[in-house]
Protein backbone atom coordinates (compact mmCIF):
# COMPACT_ATOMS: atom_id res chain seq x y z
CA MET A 1 -20.44 -12.53 1.78
CA LYS A 2 -21.38 -14.62 -1.25
CA ASN A 3 -24.94 -13.26 -1.30
CA VAL A 4 -23.71 -9.70 -0.90
CA LEU A 5 -21.33 -10.12 -3.81
CA ARG A 6 -24.13 -11.54 -5.93
CA LEU A 7 -26.26 -8.51 -5.15
CA LEU A 8 -23.41 -6.24 -6.10
CA VAL A 9 -23.12 -7.99 -9.44
CA PHE A 10 -26.85 -7.70 -9.93
CA ALA A 11 -26.73 -3.98 -9.19
CA ALA A 12 -23.90 -3.50 -11.64
CA LEU A 13 -25.86 -5.22 -14.38
CA VAL A 14 -29.02 -3.15 -14.10
CA THR A 15 -28.84 -0.51 -16.82
CA VAL A 16 -30.62 2.76 -17.39
CA PHE A 17 -31.78 1.82 -20.85
CA ALA A 18 -35.46 1.37 -21.54
CA LEU A 19 -35.96 -2.26 -22.46
CA PRO A 20 -37.28 -2.39 -26.03
CA SER A 21 -40.09 -4.73 -26.93
CA TYR A 22 -39.80 -7.01 -29.89
CA ALA A 23 -42.40 -5.98 -32.47
CA GLN A 24 -45.00 -8.68 -32.92
CA ASP A 25 -45.09 -7.86 -36.59
CA ALA A 26 -41.31 -7.87 -36.88
CA ALA A 27 -41.50 -9.92 -40.01
CA ALA A 28 -43.54 -7.23 -41.69
CA ALA A 29 -40.96 -4.65 -40.71
CA GLN A 30 -38.17 -6.45 -42.55
CA THR A 31 -36.96 -4.87 -45.73
CA PRO A 32 -36.94 -7.06 -48.84
CA ALA A 33 -33.13 -7.11 -48.74
CA GLN A 34 -33.06 -9.04 -45.46
CA THR A 35 -32.80 -12.75 -45.98
CA GLY A 36 -31.45 -15.72 -44.10
CA PRO A 37 -31.36 -15.44 -40.27
CA CYS A 38 -32.39 -11.77 -40.32
CA ALA A 39 -35.74 -12.77 -41.83
CA GLU A 40 -36.42 -15.32 -39.05
CA ALA A 41 -38.82 -13.15 -37.12
CA GLU A 42 -40.19 -15.90 -34.85
CA ALA A 43 -36.75 -17.30 -33.99
CA LYS A 44 -35.43 -13.82 -33.21
CA ALA A 45 -38.45 -13.07 -31.05
CA ALA A 46 -38.07 -16.33 -29.12
CA LEU A 47 -34.38 -15.85 -28.42
CA TYR A 48 -34.92 -12.25 -27.37
CA ALA A 49 -37.77 -13.31 -25.11
CA LYS A 50 -35.44 -15.79 -23.41
CA PHE A 51 -32.99 -12.97 -22.81
CA ARG A 52 -35.71 -10.71 -21.40
CA GLU A 53 -36.98 -13.41 -19.06
CA ASN A 54 -33.65 -13.69 -17.27
CA PHE A 55 -31.64 -10.48 -17.62
CA ASN A 56 -32.74 -8.97 -14.27
CA LYS A 57 -33.06 -12.12 -12.17
CA THR A 58 -30.56 -14.02 -10.01
CA ALA A 59 -26.88 -14.37 -10.87
CA ASP A 60 -27.46 -17.85 -12.31
CA LEU A 61 -30.32 -16.65 -14.51
CA GLN A 62 -28.34 -13.59 -15.56
CA LYS A 63 -25.77 -16.02 -16.90
CA VAL A 64 -28.54 -17.61 -18.97
CA ALA A 65 -29.49 -14.16 -20.23
CA TYR A 66 -25.86 -13.48 -21.11
CA GLU A 67 -25.58 -16.69 -23.11
CA SER A 68 -28.87 -15.89 -24.88
CA GLY A 69 -27.70 -12.35 -25.58
CA LYS A 70 -24.41 -13.54 -27.03
CA GLU A 71 -26.23 -16.02 -29.21
CA TYR A 72 -28.63 -13.30 -30.35
CA LEU A 73 -25.76 -11.00 -31.32
CA ASN A 74 -23.91 -13.77 -33.13
CA LYS A 75 -26.97 -14.67 -35.20
CA TYR A 76 -28.70 -11.33 -35.65
CA GLY A 77 -26.16 -8.65 -34.74
CA ALA A 78 -25.69 -7.66 -38.37
CA CYS A 79 -29.39 -7.30 -39.15
CA THR A 80 -30.39 -3.84 -40.37
CA GLY A 81 -34.18 -3.84 -40.02
CA GLU A 82 -35.72 -0.95 -38.10
CA ALA A 83 -37.14 -3.40 -35.55
CA ASP A 84 -33.72 -4.96 -35.04
CA LYS A 85 -31.59 -1.87 -34.38
CA PRO A 86 -32.79 -0.86 -30.88
CA ILE A 87 -32.80 -4.48 -29.71
CA ILE A 88 -29.28 -5.15 -30.97
CA THR A 89 -28.07 -1.96 -29.30
CA TYR A 90 -29.74 -2.84 -26.02
CA VAL A 91 -28.53 -6.43 -25.93
CA GLN A 92 -24.98 -5.37 -26.84
CA ASN A 93 -24.92 -2.77 -24.05
CA TRP A 94 -26.20 -5.28 -21.51
CA VAL A 95 -23.72 -7.95 -22.61
CA ASN A 96 -20.86 -5.43 -22.34
CA LYS A 97 -21.91 -4.48 -18.82
CA TYR A 98 -22.32 -8.12 -17.81
CA GLU A 99 -18.81 -8.94 -19.04
CA GLU A 100 -17.35 -5.97 -17.18
CA ALA A 101 -19.27 -6.88 -14.03
CA THR A 102 -18.00 -10.44 -14.31
CA LEU A 103 -14.41 -9.23 -14.46
CA VAL A 104 -15.02 -7.08 -11.39
CA PHE A 105 -16.80 -9.88 -9.54
CA ASN A 106 -14.11 -12.49 -10.22
CA CYS A 107 -11.32 -10.15 -9.12
CA GLN A 108 -13.02 -8.86 -5.98
CA LYS A 109 -14.27 -12.29 -4.95
CA ALA A 110 -10.74 -13.71 -5.15
CA ALA A 111 -9.29 -10.71 -3.31
CA ASN A 112 -11.84 -11.14 -0.51
CA GLU A 113 -11.91 -14.92 -0.24
CA THR A 114 -8.76 -16.43 -1.78
CA PRO A 115 -6.04 -13.72 -1.86
CA THR A 116 -3.40 -16.02 -3.34
CA GLN A 117 -5.57 -16.45 -6.45
CA ALA A 118 -6.42 -12.76 -6.80
CA PHE A 119 -3.46 -11.76 -8.97
CA GLU A 120 -4.48 -14.26 -11.63
CA ALA A 121 -8.19 -13.48 -11.27
CA CYS A 122 -7.65 -9.74 -11.70
CA LYS A 123 -5.51 -9.92 -14.85
CA ALA A 124 -8.48 -9.71 -17.22
CA TRP A 125 -9.95 -6.66 -15.47
CA ILE A 126 -6.61 -4.84 -15.57
CA ALA A 127 -6.19 -5.70 -19.25
CA ALA A 128 -9.71 -4.50 -20.09
CA LYS A 129 -9.47 -1.32 -17.98
CA PRO A 130 -5.79 -0.31 -17.74
CA ASP A 131 -6.64 3.12 -16.30
CA ASP A 132 -8.97 1.78 -13.59
CA LEU A 133 -7.65 2.06 -10.05
CA ARG A 134 -10.06 -0.50 -8.65
CA PRO A 135 -8.39 -3.79 -9.67
CA HIS A 136 -5.05 -2.56 -8.34
CA LEU A 137 -6.70 -1.49 -5.08
CA ALA A 138 -8.36 -4.92 -4.89
CA LEU A 139 -4.93 -6.56 -5.16
CA VAL A 140 -3.59 -4.28 -2.43
CA GLY A 141 -6.55 -5.47 -0.36
CA ALA A 142 -5.64 -9.08 -1.10
CA GLY A 143 -2.10 -8.37 0.12
CA ILE A 144 -3.44 -6.76 3.30
CA LYS A 145 -5.73 -9.72 3.97
CA ALA A 146 -2.85 -12.15 3.58
CA TYR A 147 -0.47 -10.01 5.66
CA THR A 148 -2.88 -9.61 8.56
CA SER A 149 -3.31 -13.39 8.47
CA LYS A 150 0.49 -13.72 8.90
CA ASP A 151 0.96 -14.86 5.29
CA ASN A 152 3.83 -12.90 3.74
CA SER A 153 3.81 -14.69 0.40
CA LEU A 154 2.07 -11.80 -1.37
CA ASN A 155 4.11 -8.98 0.15
CA ALA A 156 6.31 -8.20 -2.85
CA ARG A 157 3.50 -8.38 -5.42
CA ALA A 158 1.09 -6.37 -3.26
CA ALA A 159 3.77 -3.72 -2.70
CA ALA A 160 4.24 -3.46 -6.48
CA GLU A 161 0.48 -2.92 -6.88
CA ALA A 162 0.52 -0.25 -4.17
CA ARG A 163 3.34 1.58 -5.99
CA THR A 164 1.30 1.36 -9.20
CA VAL A 165 -1.69 2.95 -7.47
CA LEU A 166 0.49 5.78 -6.13
CA GLN A 167 1.83 6.43 -9.63
CA MET A 168 -1.72 6.46 -11.03
CA LEU A 169 -2.83 8.88 -8.32
CA GLU A 170 0.09 11.17 -9.12
CA ALA A 171 -1.01 11.05 -12.77
CA GLY A 172 -4.48 12.28 -11.78
CA LYS A 173 -6.43 9.01 -11.81
CA THR A 174 -9.31 8.69 -9.38
CA THR A 175 -12.19 6.38 -8.53
CA ASP A 176 -15.49 6.40 -6.68
CA THR A 177 -14.49 3.65 -4.24
CA TRP A 178 -11.27 3.50 -2.22
CA ALA A 179 -11.51 0.15 -0.44
CA PRO A 180 -9.52 -1.17 1.35
CA PHE A 181 -9.00 2.41 2.59
CA ALA A 182 -11.55 4.71 4.15
CA ASN A 183 -11.46 7.50 1.58
CA GLN A 184 -9.40 9.32 -1.01
CA GLN A 185 -7.59 11.39 1.61
CA ASP A 186 -6.28 8.36 3.53
CA ALA A 187 -5.53 6.17 0.51
CA PRO A 188 -2.00 7.52 -0.25
CA ALA A 189 -0.89 7.18 3.38
CA GLY A 190 -2.47 3.73 3.61
CA LEU A 191 -0.65 2.62 0.47
CA ARG A 192 2.64 3.94 1.83
CA TYR A 193 2.05 2.21 5.18
CA TYR A 194 1.67 -1.19 3.60
CA ILE A 195 4.54 -0.67 1.16
CA ALA A 196 6.63 0.03 4.26
CA ALA A 197 5.32 -3.01 6.12
CA TRP A 198 5.82 -5.31 3.14
CA SER A 199 9.32 -3.90 2.44
CA LEU A 200 10.68 -3.79 5.99
CA GLU A 201 12.96 -6.79 5.67
CA ALA A 202 13.76 -6.73 1.94
CA ASN A 203 14.14 -2.97 1.52
CA PRO A 204 14.16 -1.12 4.88
CA GLU A 205 15.40 2.07 3.18
CA GLU A 206 12.19 2.29 1.15
CA SER A 207 10.21 1.41 4.25
CA ALA A 208 11.73 4.33 6.16
CA THR A 209 11.20 6.73 3.24
CA GLN A 210 7.52 5.85 2.91
CA LEU A 211 6.91 6.12 6.65
CA LEU A 212 8.55 9.53 6.88
CA LYS A 213 6.15 10.76 4.19
CA ILE A 214 3.22 9.42 6.21
CA ALA A 215 4.50 10.95 9.46
CA GLN A 216 4.77 14.35 7.78
CA SER A 217 1.27 14.13 6.27
CA GLY A 218 -2.02 15.17 7.78
CA SER A 219 -3.50 11.70 7.35
CA THR A 220 -5.21 9.88 10.19
CA ILE A 221 -2.64 7.13 9.64
CA ALA A 222 0.03 9.62 10.75
CA LYS A 223 -1.56 9.40 14.20
CA GLU A 224 -1.46 5.61 14.40
CA PRO A 225 1.03 3.99 16.85
CA GLY A 226 1.80 1.32 14.26
CA THR A 227 3.17 3.95 11.89
CA PHE A 228 5.86 5.01 14.36
CA GLN A 229 6.50 1.49 15.59
CA LEU A 230 7.25 0.54 12.00
CA LEU A 231 9.29 3.71 11.43
CA GLY A 232 11.54 2.92 14.38
CA ALA A 233 12.14 -0.61 13.11
CA SER A 234 12.87 0.62 9.58
CA ILE A 235 15.40 3.20 10.81
CA TYR A 236 17.08 0.54 12.89
CA ASN A 237 17.26 -1.91 9.98
CA SER A 238 18.25 0.60 7.31
CA GLU A 239 20.68 2.78 9.26
CA VAL A 240 21.72 1.63 12.72
CA LYS A 241 22.57 -1.97 11.86
CA LYS A 242 24.45 -1.10 8.68
CA MET A 243 26.46 1.73 10.19
CA ALA A 244 27.25 -0.32 13.30
CA ASP A 245 28.64 -3.08 11.07
CA GLN A 246 30.67 -0.49 9.17
CA TYR A 247 32.03 0.94 12.43
CA LYS A 248 33.03 -2.50 13.65
CA THR A 249 34.95 -3.18 10.44
CA GLN A 250 36.66 0.19 10.07
CA CYS A 251 37.07 1.52 13.59
CA GLU A 252 36.74 -1.03 16.37
CA GLY A 253 40.06 -1.75 18.08
CA LYS A 254 41.90 0.83 15.97
CA ASP A 255 43.25 4.29 16.60
CA ALA A 256 40.58 6.96 16.63
CA THR A 257 40.12 8.95 13.44
CA HIS A 258 37.90 11.84 12.51
CA GLU A 259 36.08 9.60 10.02
CA CYS A 260 35.23 7.14 12.80
CA ASP A 261 34.05 10.01 15.01
CA VAL A 262 31.73 11.19 12.24
CA LEU A 263 30.39 7.67 11.76
CA LEU A 264 29.81 7.21 15.49
CA ASN A 265 27.96 10.53 15.57
CA LYS A 266 25.68 9.34 12.77
CA ILE A 267 25.01 6.06 14.57
CA ASN A 268 24.04 7.83 17.78
CA TYR A 269 21.73 10.19 15.92
CA ALA A 270 20.07 7.27 14.13
CA ILE A 271 19.51 5.57 17.50
CA ASP A 272 18.02 8.83 18.79
CA ARG A 273 15.58 8.78 15.87
CA VAL A 274 14.60 5.19 16.71
CA ILE A 275 14.02 6.32 20.31
CA ASP A 276 11.90 9.23 19.07
CA SER A 277 9.77 6.95 16.86
CA TYR A 278 9.17 4.41 19.62
CA ALA A 279 8.39 7.15 22.12
CA ARG A 280 5.76 8.52 19.71
CA ALA A 281 4.29 5.04 19.29
CA VAL A 282 4.09 4.59 23.07
CA ALA A 283 2.61 8.08 23.57
CA LEU A 284 -0.08 7.45 20.96
CA SER A 285 -0.76 4.01 22.44
CA ASN A 286 -1.12 5.45 25.93
CA ALA A 287 -3.80 7.79 24.60
CA ASN A 288 -5.92 4.92 23.27
CA PRO A 289 -6.62 1.78 25.34
CA LYS A 290 -7.04 -0.42 22.26
CA TYR A 291 -3.30 -0.03 21.60
CA SER A 292 -2.18 -1.03 25.08
CA ALA A 293 -0.50 -4.16 23.70
CA THR A 294 1.67 -1.98 21.45
CA ALA A 295 2.80 0.12 24.40
CA THR A 296 3.52 -2.99 26.46
CA ALA A 297 5.65 -4.51 23.70
CA LEU A 298 7.59 -1.35 22.90
CA ARG A 299 8.26 0.06 26.36
CA PRO A 300 11.10 -2.38 27.29
CA VAL A 301 12.87 -1.80 23.96
CA LEU A 302 12.44 1.96 24.25
CA THR A 303 13.79 1.89 27.80
CA THR A 304 16.89 -0.07 26.77
CA LEU A 305 17.65 2.29 23.89
CA TYR A 306 17.03 5.38 26.01
CA LYS A 307 19.34 4.15 28.80
CA GLN A 308 22.02 3.36 26.25
CA ARG A 309 22.04 7.00 25.17
CA HIS A 310 21.74 8.40 28.72
CA GLU A 311 24.53 6.75 30.71
CA GLU A 312 22.40 3.69 31.51
CA LYS A 313 19.87 5.84 33.34
CA GLU A 314 16.11 5.86 32.82
CA THR A 315 15.71 9.29 34.36
CA GLY A 316 13.59 11.59 32.22
CA LEU A 317 12.09 8.89 29.98
CA ASN A 318 8.51 9.40 31.17
CA GLU A 319 8.80 13.13 30.61
CA TYR A 320 10.30 12.49 27.18
CA ILE A 321 7.34 10.29 26.19
CA ALA A 322 4.84 12.83 27.53
CA SER A 323 6.29 15.66 25.43
CA VAL A 324 7.49 13.90 22.29
CA LEU A 325 4.34 14.51 20.23
CA ASN A 326 4.86 18.25 20.63
CA LYS A 327 8.36 18.09 19.16
CA PRO A 328 9.29 18.22 15.47
CA LEU A 329 10.09 14.87 13.91
CA PRO A 330 13.88 14.39 13.63
CA LEU A 331 14.87 13.85 10.02
CA PRO A 332 17.79 12.05 8.36
CA GLY A 333 20.95 14.09 7.89
CA GLN A 334 20.27 16.46 10.78
CA GLU A 335 22.75 14.97 13.24
CA PRO A 336 24.50 17.57 15.42
CA PRO A 337 27.97 18.59 14.23
CA LEU A 338 31.03 17.27 15.98
CA PRO A 339 33.12 19.70 18.05
CA THR A 340 35.87 21.28 15.92
CA PRO A 341 39.10 19.38 16.73
CA PRO A 342 42.04 21.55 17.90
CA ALA A 343 45.11 21.86 15.67
CA SER A 344 48.70 21.51 16.95
CA THR A 345 51.93 22.67 15.32
CA SER A 346 55.28 20.84 15.38
CA ASN A 347 58.55 20.82 13.48
CA GLY A 348 58.38 19.19 10.11
CA ALA A 349 59.82 15.75 9.74
CA ASP A 350 62.27 17.05 7.16
CA GLY A 351 63.92 19.31 9.75
CA THR A 352 62.88 22.51 7.96
CA GLY A 353 60.63 23.60 10.77
CA ALA A 354 57.61 23.64 8.44
CA ALA A 355 54.33 23.58 10.33
CA THR A 356 52.27 20.41 10.19
CA THR A 357 48.69 20.05 11.45
CA THR A 358 47.50 17.02 13.34
CA THR A 359 43.91 16.21 14.16
CA THR A 360 43.08 15.38 17.75
CA PRO A 361 40.02 13.17 18.22
CA ALA A 362 37.21 14.67 20.23
CA SER A 363 37.14 13.47 23.80
CA GLY A 364 35.58 10.08 24.27
CA THR A 365 35.11 9.29 20.61
CA THR A 366 37.29 6.19 20.68
CA ALA A 367 34.42 4.24 22.22
CA LYS A 368 32.63 1.80 19.98
CA PRO A 369 28.83 1.98 19.57
CA ALA A 370 27.06 0.38 22.48
CA ALA A 371 25.26 -2.83 21.68
CA THR A 372 21.73 -2.09 20.54
CA PRO A 373 18.73 -4.35 21.01
CA THR A 374 16.76 -5.37 17.98
CA PRO A 375 13.74 -3.07 18.17
CA THR A 376 10.82 -5.42 17.46
CA PRO A 377 11.71 -5.80 13.79
CA LYS A 378 8.24 -6.94 12.79
CA PRO A 379 5.49 -4.70 14.17
CA ALA A 380 2.02 -5.91 14.90
CA ALA A 381 -0.03 -5.73 11.71
CA GLN A 382 -2.59 -2.97 11.91
CA LYS A 383 -5.10 -1.87 9.32
CA PRO A 384 -5.31 1.85 8.65
CA PRO A 385 -8.38 3.29 10.35
CA ARG A 386 -11.59 3.39 8.39
CA SER A 387 -14.44 5.79 8.95
């Protein structure tokens, strides 16, 4: 990897400019007004020769060329002789490209080899090129490398970089390289996938939102089992757990109310959406042997959830899995309406005979939500596919 990176730096430093030669009679070309260092034809020629000897060699020798070029510009950059102008321009262009390539190299090397140091290493590149997507993508890559190595220390910072890239894409920014993603088409979905993975525990609501956008996209990542495994976990964490806690506080052991019936209906629908997500993950895993471990891990959880919603029976689950990919994705807020409760009329409490309306709970709604298993809250880390 080190040699490859060095070659990349070398390639970045090679310019399209024709290398000017230093005139042997440079001294004769000086105008009478040039004095001091600008009149030092031999010294200028020697320093420029040192630059030329090393500018297209190895990384170590390119550093020598850079130091020589900087020295040349410091001493002779203000010279105005006709022999000086093309050389100054050339050296300045090469030095600029070397400095930019160094920023790129330092950032990408850290992202590839020492992810925890990447955020510091990439600061200079971001400062120099604030509209460049590449340093932000490199930091997303550093976050992915750490995450897939079971190091979650960079999750929050990498997620922030991924959000920055999405904002830049929405503003019309683009680049010619999309690593760590396969291409421009998959980059937005890949960014959303890792934002979701990195946010699952701290912000499951955002995780679910990002995953729904992926699932509704045409990206190849929308066909990955890991996307739906993560979606099921995010729905569970962001909706089921919170509403179940709310139901326990407000409704458990108390007289049934319409509000509790509505809440229970929402909980059941959220569980159904978890079931749908896990069934999609299992169906996609069954279609590809390399994901067999995902199917093996999810099937028991899916079975438990399915039985909970079907009178503790597993009947129909295999058929459900086989057909789920042909069904529309269930979305938040689409829970079925409750049956309209009947109204009854009685004499008013004040003896006037005025009609009063009482609400009768729908049949069976006094039951509390059944206990739900934790649906593998942390999915197996998977990289988005690359072509």
